[in-house]
Amino acid sequence: MILSEETRKNLIEERRKIDDLLGDLPTAMDCHLGRPVLVTTDKRGVFFGYADDTSGDPIVLRNARNCIYWHKSIGGFAGLAVTGPNDQCRIGVKVSEIELRGICSVSKVSSVAVEAWEKASCVS
């Protein structure tokens, strides 16, 4: 199905409203893999993955990927948590588990962004 840019933006906005209404209710995916999060580190690492516990340092992520480069259209690292990467971003290979240290931030990831992260091509 091909959507116009306006329709796509409207759908993303509607999904954000739904996410805001639902708050932190766990989804079926959250229960299986953990909560989808975007983690930044003191070494300028930016990682997407699923975590059970994000209250301390270190944080263990499952099915994790890192963002090597994001395009300016993403709107900074926080945009990776809202809309996810696009085809102009460079995303690393998925690892089954990684332990991150030197945590600077942990961001909730929208369902729209989760889908984009899961679909993102790996750099070669």
N, C-alpha and C. Protein backbone atom coordinates (compact mmCIF):
# COMPACT_ATOMS: atom_id res chain seq x y z
N MET A 1 0.84 -1.16 0.00
CA MET A 1 0.00 0.00 0.00
C MET A 1 0.90 1.24 0.00
N ILE A 2 0.67 2.14 -0.92
CA ILE A 2 1.46 3.36 -1.03
C ILE A 2 0.65 4.50 -0.43
N LEU A 3 1.27 5.21 0.51
CA LEU A 3 0.61 6.32 1.19
C LEU A 3 1.25 7.64 0.79
N SER A 4 0.44 8.67 0.69
CA SER A 4 0.98 9.99 0.44
C SER A 4 1.74 10.45 1.69
N GLU A 5 2.62 11.39 1.52
CA GLU A 5 3.39 11.92 2.65
C GLU A 5 2.46 12.51 3.71
N GLU A 6 1.41 13.19 3.28
CA GLU A 6 0.46 13.78 4.22
C GLU A 6 -0.28 12.70 5.02
N THR A 7 -0.70 11.64 4.35
CA THR A 7 -1.37 10.54 5.02
C THR A 7 -0.43 9.87 6.01
N ARG A 8 0.81 9.65 5.59
CA ARG A 8 1.83 9.05 6.46
C ARG A 8 2.03 9.89 7.72
N LYS A 9 2.15 11.21 7.56
CA LYS A 9 2.34 12.09 8.71
C LYS A 9 1.13 12.05 9.63
N ASN A 10 -0.07 12.02 9.05
CA ASN A 10 -1.29 11.95 9.86
C ASN A 10 -1.35 10.65 10.65
N LEU A 11 -0.98 9.54 10.02
CA LEU A 11 -0.97 8.25 10.72
C LEU A 11 0.04 8.24 11.86
N ILE A 12 1.22 8.81 11.62
CA ILE A 12 2.23 8.88 12.67
C ILE A 12 1.73 9.72 13.84
N GLU A 13 1.08 10.85 13.54
CA GLU A 13 0.55 11.71 14.59
C GLU A 13 -0.54 11.00 15.38
N GLU A 14 -1.42 10.29 14.68
CA GLU A 14 -2.48 9.54 15.37
C GLU A 14 -1.88 8.45 16.25
N ARG A 15 -0.84 7.79 15.76
CA ARG A 15 -0.20 6.74 16.56
C ARG A 15 0.45 7.34 17.81
N ARG A 16 1.05 8.51 17.67
CA ARG A 16 1.64 9.19 18.84
C ARG A 16 0.58 9.49 19.89
N LYS A 17 -0.59 9.94 19.42
CA LYS A 17 -1.68 10.23 20.36
C LYS A 17 -2.11 8.96 21.09
N ILE A 18 -2.20 7.87 20.36
CA ILE A 18 -2.56 6.59 20.98
C ILE A 18 -1.50 6.16 21.98
N ASP A 19 -0.23 6.28 21.60
CA ASP A 19 0.87 5.93 22.51
C ASP A 19 0.81 6.77 23.79
N ASP A 20 0.50 8.06 23.64
CA ASP A 20 0.40 8.93 24.82
C ASP A 20 -0.75 8.52 25.72
N LEU A 21 -1.87 8.12 25.11
CA LEU A 21 -3.02 7.69 25.90
C LEU A 21 -2.75 6.38 26.64
N LEU A 22 -2.05 5.47 25.97
CA LEU A 22 -1.77 4.17 26.59
C LEU A 22 -0.66 4.26 27.62
N GLY A 23 0.19 5.26 27.50
CA GLY A 23 1.28 5.42 28.46
C GLY A 23 2.22 4.24 28.44
N ASP A 24 2.52 3.71 29.59
CA ASP A 24 3.49 2.63 29.70
C ASP A 24 2.87 1.25 29.81
N LEU A 25 1.65 1.07 29.30
CA LEU A 25 1.04 -0.26 29.31
C LEU A 25 1.90 -1.19 28.47
N PRO A 26 2.22 -2.36 28.99
CA PRO A 26 3.06 -3.27 28.21
C PRO A 26 2.28 -3.90 27.06
N THR A 27 2.95 -4.08 25.95
CA THR A 27 2.37 -4.78 24.81
C THR A 27 2.85 -6.22 24.86
N ALA A 28 2.33 -7.04 23.98
CA ALA A 28 2.76 -8.44 23.92
C ALA A 28 4.26 -8.51 23.63
N MET A 29 4.76 -7.62 22.78
CA MET A 29 6.18 -7.62 22.46
C MET A 29 7.00 -7.23 23.69
N ASP A 30 6.51 -6.25 24.46
CA ASP A 30 7.22 -5.84 25.67
C ASP A 30 7.38 -7.01 26.62
N CYS A 31 6.33 -7.81 26.76
CA CYS A 31 6.36 -8.93 27.70
C CYS A 31 7.34 -10.00 27.26
N HIS A 32 7.54 -10.15 25.97
CA HIS A 32 8.44 -11.18 25.46
C HIS A 32 9.90 -10.72 25.45
N LEU A 33 10.17 -9.58 24.86
CA LEU A 33 11.54 -9.10 24.69
C LEU A 33 11.96 -8.07 25.73
N GLY A 34 11.02 -7.44 26.37
CA GLY A 34 11.30 -6.32 27.24
C GLY A 34 10.74 -5.05 26.62
N ARG A 35 10.99 -3.95 27.27
CA ARG A 35 10.50 -2.65 26.81
C ARG A 35 11.44 -2.09 25.75
N PRO A 36 10.91 -1.60 24.61
CA PRO A 36 11.78 -1.01 23.60
C PRO A 36 12.31 0.35 24.07
N VAL A 37 13.62 0.51 24.03
CA VAL A 37 14.25 1.74 24.51
C VAL A 37 15.37 2.18 23.58
N LEU A 38 15.68 3.47 23.66
CA LEU A 38 16.85 4.04 22.99
C LEU A 38 17.77 4.50 24.10
N VAL A 39 19.01 4.00 24.09
CA VAL A 39 19.97 4.30 25.16
C VAL A 39 21.14 5.07 24.57
N THR A 40 21.54 6.15 25.24
CA THR A 40 22.76 6.85 24.85
C THR A 40 23.81 6.65 25.94
N THR A 41 25.07 6.64 25.51
CA THR A 41 26.17 6.41 26.46
C THR A 41 27.13 7.59 26.48
N ASP A 42 27.98 7.59 27.49
CA ASP A 42 28.95 8.68 27.62
C ASP A 42 30.04 8.64 26.55
N LYS A 43 30.08 7.58 25.77
CA LYS A 43 31.04 7.49 24.65
C LYS A 43 30.35 7.82 23.32
N ARG A 44 29.20 8.48 23.41
CA ARG A 44 28.41 8.93 22.27
C ARG A 44 27.77 7.79 21.50
N GLY A 45 27.58 6.66 22.17
CA GLY A 45 26.88 5.54 21.55
C GLY A 45 25.37 5.76 21.61
N VAL A 46 24.68 5.35 20.56
CA VAL A 46 23.22 5.43 20.50
C VAL A 46 22.72 4.04 20.10
N PHE A 47 21.96 3.40 21.00
CA PHE A 47 21.56 2.02 20.82
C PHE A 47 20.05 1.86 20.98
N PHE A 48 19.46 1.03 20.12
CA PHE A 48 18.06 0.63 20.25
C PHE A 48 18.04 -0.84 20.65
N GLY A 49 17.13 -1.18 21.53
CA GLY A 49 16.95 -2.58 21.90
C GLY A 49 15.84 -2.71 22.92
N TYR A 50 15.76 -3.89 23.51
CA TYR A 50 14.69 -4.22 24.46
C TYR A 50 15.31 -4.52 25.82
N ALA A 51 14.76 -3.90 26.86
CA ALA A 51 15.33 -4.05 28.21
C ALA A 51 14.22 -4.32 29.21
N ASP A 52 14.57 -5.11 30.22
CA ASP A 52 13.65 -5.34 31.34
C ASP A 52 13.86 -4.28 32.42
N ASP A 53 15.11 -3.96 32.69
CA ASP A 53 15.44 -3.03 33.78
C ASP A 53 16.32 -1.92 33.24
N THR A 54 15.86 -0.68 33.35
CA THR A 54 16.66 0.47 32.89
C THR A 54 16.95 1.42 34.04
N SER A 55 16.88 0.91 35.26
CA SER A 55 17.02 1.79 36.42
C SER A 55 18.46 2.06 36.83
N GLY A 56 19.40 1.34 36.28
CA GLY A 56 20.77 1.53 36.71
C GLY A 56 21.77 1.42 35.58
N ASP A 57 23.00 1.28 35.97
CA ASP A 57 24.12 1.17 35.04
C ASP A 57 24.92 -0.04 35.48
N PRO A 58 25.10 -1.04 34.67
CA PRO A 58 24.84 -1.13 33.24
C PRO A 58 23.39 -1.49 32.93
N ILE A 59 23.07 -1.37 31.63
CA ILE A 59 21.77 -1.80 31.11
C ILE A 59 22.03 -2.89 30.08
N VAL A 60 21.25 -3.96 30.17
CA VAL A 60 21.35 -5.04 29.20
C VAL A 60 20.23 -4.88 28.17
N LEU A 61 20.62 -4.82 26.89
CA LEU A 61 19.66 -4.75 25.80
C LEU A 61 19.67 -6.06 25.03
N ARG A 62 18.48 -6.49 24.62
CA ARG A 62 18.34 -7.66 23.75
C ARG A 62 17.93 -7.19 22.36
N ASN A 63 18.32 -7.99 21.35
CA ASN A 63 18.05 -7.64 19.95
C ASN A 63 18.44 -6.19 19.69
N ALA A 64 19.65 -5.85 20.05
CA ALA A 64 20.13 -4.46 20.02
C ALA A 64 20.81 -4.11 18.71
N ARG A 65 20.66 -2.84 18.35
CA ARG A 65 21.34 -2.27 17.18
C ARG A 65 21.87 -0.89 17.57
N ASN A 66 22.92 -0.47 16.91
CA ASN A 66 23.42 0.87 17.17
C ASN A 66 23.21 1.75 15.93
N CYS A 67 23.10 3.04 16.19
CA CYS A 67 22.98 4.01 15.11
C CYS A 67 24.36 4.63 14.91
N ILE A 68 24.95 4.37 13.78
CA ILE A 68 26.28 4.87 13.46
C ILE A 68 26.19 6.32 12.98
N TYR A 69 25.12 6.62 12.24
CA TYR A 69 24.91 7.97 11.71
C TYR A 69 23.41 8.16 11.51
N TRP A 70 22.90 9.33 11.91
CA TRP A 70 21.51 9.65 11.59
C TRP A 70 21.49 10.93 10.78
N HIS A 71 20.57 10.96 9.83
CA HIS A 71 20.42 12.10 8.94
C HIS A 71 19.76 13.25 9.70
N LYS A 72 20.03 14.47 9.28
CA LYS A 72 19.48 15.65 9.96
C LYS A 72 17.96 15.67 9.94
N SER A 73 17.34 15.00 8.97
CA SER A 73 15.88 14.96 8.90
C SER A 73 15.26 14.21 10.08
N ILE A 74 16.04 13.43 10.79
CA ILE A 74 15.56 12.67 11.95
C ILE A 74 15.31 13.61 13.13
N GLY A 75 16.05 14.71 13.20
CA GLY A 75 15.86 15.68 14.28
C GLY A 75 16.65 15.35 15.53
N GLY A 76 17.82 14.79 15.37
CA GLY A 76 18.66 14.46 16.52
C GLY A 76 18.37 13.07 17.05
N PHE A 77 19.11 12.68 18.10
CA PHE A 77 18.96 11.31 18.60
C PHE A 77 17.56 11.05 19.14
N ALA A 78 16.89 12.07 19.68
CA ALA A 78 15.54 11.86 20.21
C ALA A 78 14.56 11.49 19.09
N GLY A 79 14.80 11.96 17.89
CA GLY A 79 13.98 11.59 16.76
C GLY A 79 14.03 10.10 16.46
N LEU A 80 15.15 9.47 16.82
CA LEU A 80 15.28 8.02 16.64
C LEU A 80 14.32 7.27 17.56
N ALA A 81 13.93 7.89 18.66
CA ALA A 81 12.96 7.27 19.58
C ALA A 81 11.52 7.56 19.16
N VAL A 82 11.32 8.64 18.41
CA VAL A 82 9.96 9.04 18.01
C VAL A 82 9.56 8.43 16.67
N THR A 83 10.41 8.60 15.66
CA THR A 83 10.08 8.09 14.31
C THR A 83 10.97 6.94 13.88
N GLY A 84 12.12 6.77 14.53
CA GLY A 84 13.05 5.72 14.14
C GLY A 84 13.94 6.16 12.99
N PRO A 85 14.86 5.31 12.60
CA PRO A 85 15.77 5.65 11.50
C PRO A 85 15.06 5.60 10.14
N ASN A 86 15.60 6.37 9.20
CA ASN A 86 15.09 6.30 7.83
C ASN A 86 16.19 5.72 6.94
N ASP A 87 15.96 5.69 5.64
CA ASP A 87 16.93 5.06 4.74
C ASP A 87 18.22 5.87 4.57
N GLN A 88 18.28 7.05 5.13
CA GLN A 88 19.51 7.85 5.07
C GLN A 88 20.38 7.67 6.31
N CYS A 89 19.90 6.89 7.27
CA CYS A 89 20.67 6.60 8.48
C CYS A 89 21.53 5.36 8.26
N ARG A 90 22.57 5.24 9.07
CA ARG A 90 23.44 4.05 9.01
C ARG A 90 23.26 3.29 10.31
N ILE A 91 22.71 2.09 10.21
CA ILE A 91 22.38 1.27 11.37
C ILE A 91 23.23 0.01 11.36
N GLY A 92 23.76 -0.33 12.53
CA GLY A 92 24.62 -1.51 12.66
C GLY A 92 23.83 -2.80 12.73
N VAL A 93 24.57 -3.89 12.70
CA VAL A 93 23.99 -5.22 12.75
C VAL A 93 23.34 -5.48 14.11
N LYS A 94 22.32 -6.34 14.14
CA LYS A 94 21.63 -6.69 15.37
C LYS A 94 22.45 -7.72 16.14
N VAL A 95 22.57 -7.51 17.45
CA VAL A 95 23.21 -8.50 18.32
C VAL A 95 22.15 -9.02 19.29
N SER A 96 22.28 -10.27 19.70
CA SER A 96 21.26 -10.86 20.56
C SER A 96 21.24 -10.22 21.94
N GLU A 97 22.40 -9.79 22.44
CA GLU A 97 22.45 -9.14 23.75
C GLU A 97 23.71 -8.31 23.87
N ILE A 98 23.57 -7.16 24.53
CA ILE A 98 24.72 -6.29 24.79
C ILE A 98 24.53 -5.64 26.16
N GLU A 99 25.62 -5.50 26.88
CA GLU A 99 25.61 -4.82 28.17
C GLU A 99 26.25 -3.45 27.98
N LEU A 100 25.47 -2.41 28.21
CA LEU A 100 25.94 -1.04 28.01
C LEU A 100 26.31 -0.41 29.35
N ARG A 101 27.41 0.30 29.37
CA ARG A 101 27.87 1.02 30.57
C ARG A 101 27.99 2.50 30.24
N GLY A 102 28.07 3.32 31.26
CA GLY A 102 28.19 4.77 31.05
C GLY A 102 26.92 5.34 30.46
N ILE A 103 25.80 4.98 31.04
CA ILE A 103 24.49 5.39 30.51
C ILE A 103 24.26 6.88 30.74
N CYS A 104 23.85 7.57 29.68
CA CYS A 104 23.49 8.99 29.79
C CYS A 104 21.98 9.19 29.76
N SER A 105 21.29 8.45 28.89
CA SER A 105 19.84 8.60 28.81
C SER A 105 19.19 7.31 28.34
N VAL A 106 17.93 7.16 28.74
CA VAL A 106 17.10 6.04 28.29
C VAL A 106 15.77 6.65 27.86
N SER A 107 15.40 6.44 26.60
CA SER A 107 14.17 7.01 26.05
C SER A 107 13.19 5.92 25.68
N LYS A 108 11.92 6.17 25.96
CA LYS A 108 10.84 5.30 25.51
C LYS A 108 10.79 5.40 23.99
N VAL A 109 10.57 4.28 23.31
CA VAL A 109 10.53 4.25 21.85
C VAL A 109 9.09 3.99 21.40
N SER A 110 8.60 4.84 20.51
CA SER A 110 7.23 4.69 20.02
C SER A 110 7.11 3.45 19.14
N SER A 111 5.90 3.00 18.96
CA SER A 111 5.68 1.82 18.11
C SER A 111 6.07 2.10 16.66
N VAL A 112 5.89 3.33 16.22
CA VAL A 112 6.31 3.72 14.87
C VAL A 112 7.82 3.57 14.74
N ALA A 113 8.55 4.03 15.75
CA ALA A 113 10.01 3.93 15.72
C ALA A 113 10.48 2.48 15.83
N VAL A 114 9.81 1.67 16.66
CA VAL A 114 10.18 0.26 16.78
C VAL A 114 10.11 -0.41 15.41
N GLU A 115 9.03 -0.15 14.70
CA GLU A 115 8.87 -0.74 13.37
C GLU A 115 9.99 -0.30 12.43
N ALA A 116 10.36 0.99 12.48
CA ALA A 116 11.44 1.50 11.63
C ALA A 116 12.78 0.86 12.00
N TRP A 117 13.05 0.71 13.30
CA TRP A 117 14.29 0.07 13.73
C TRP A 117 14.35 -1.37 13.27
N GLU A 118 13.23 -2.09 13.40
CA GLU A 118 13.21 -3.49 13.02
C GLU A 118 13.37 -3.68 11.52
N LYS A 119 12.93 -2.71 10.72
CA LYS A 119 13.02 -2.81 9.26
C LYS A 119 14.33 -2.24 8.69
N ALA A 120 15.06 -1.48 9.49
CA ALA A 120 16.24 -0.77 9.00
C ALA A 120 17.28 -1.73 8.43
N SER A 121 17.82 -1.34 7.28
CA SER A 121 18.89 -2.12 6.66
C SER A 121 20.18 -1.93 7.43
N CYS A 122 20.99 -2.98 7.44
CA CYS A 122 22.29 -2.93 8.10
C CYS A 122 23.31 -2.38 7.13
N VAL A 123 24.22 -1.54 7.61
CA VAL A 123 25.28 -1.02 6.75
C VAL A 123 26.19 -2.17 6.33
N SER A 124 26.76 -2.04 5.16
CA SER A 124 27.65 -3.11 4.70
C SER A 124 29.06 -2.61 4.55
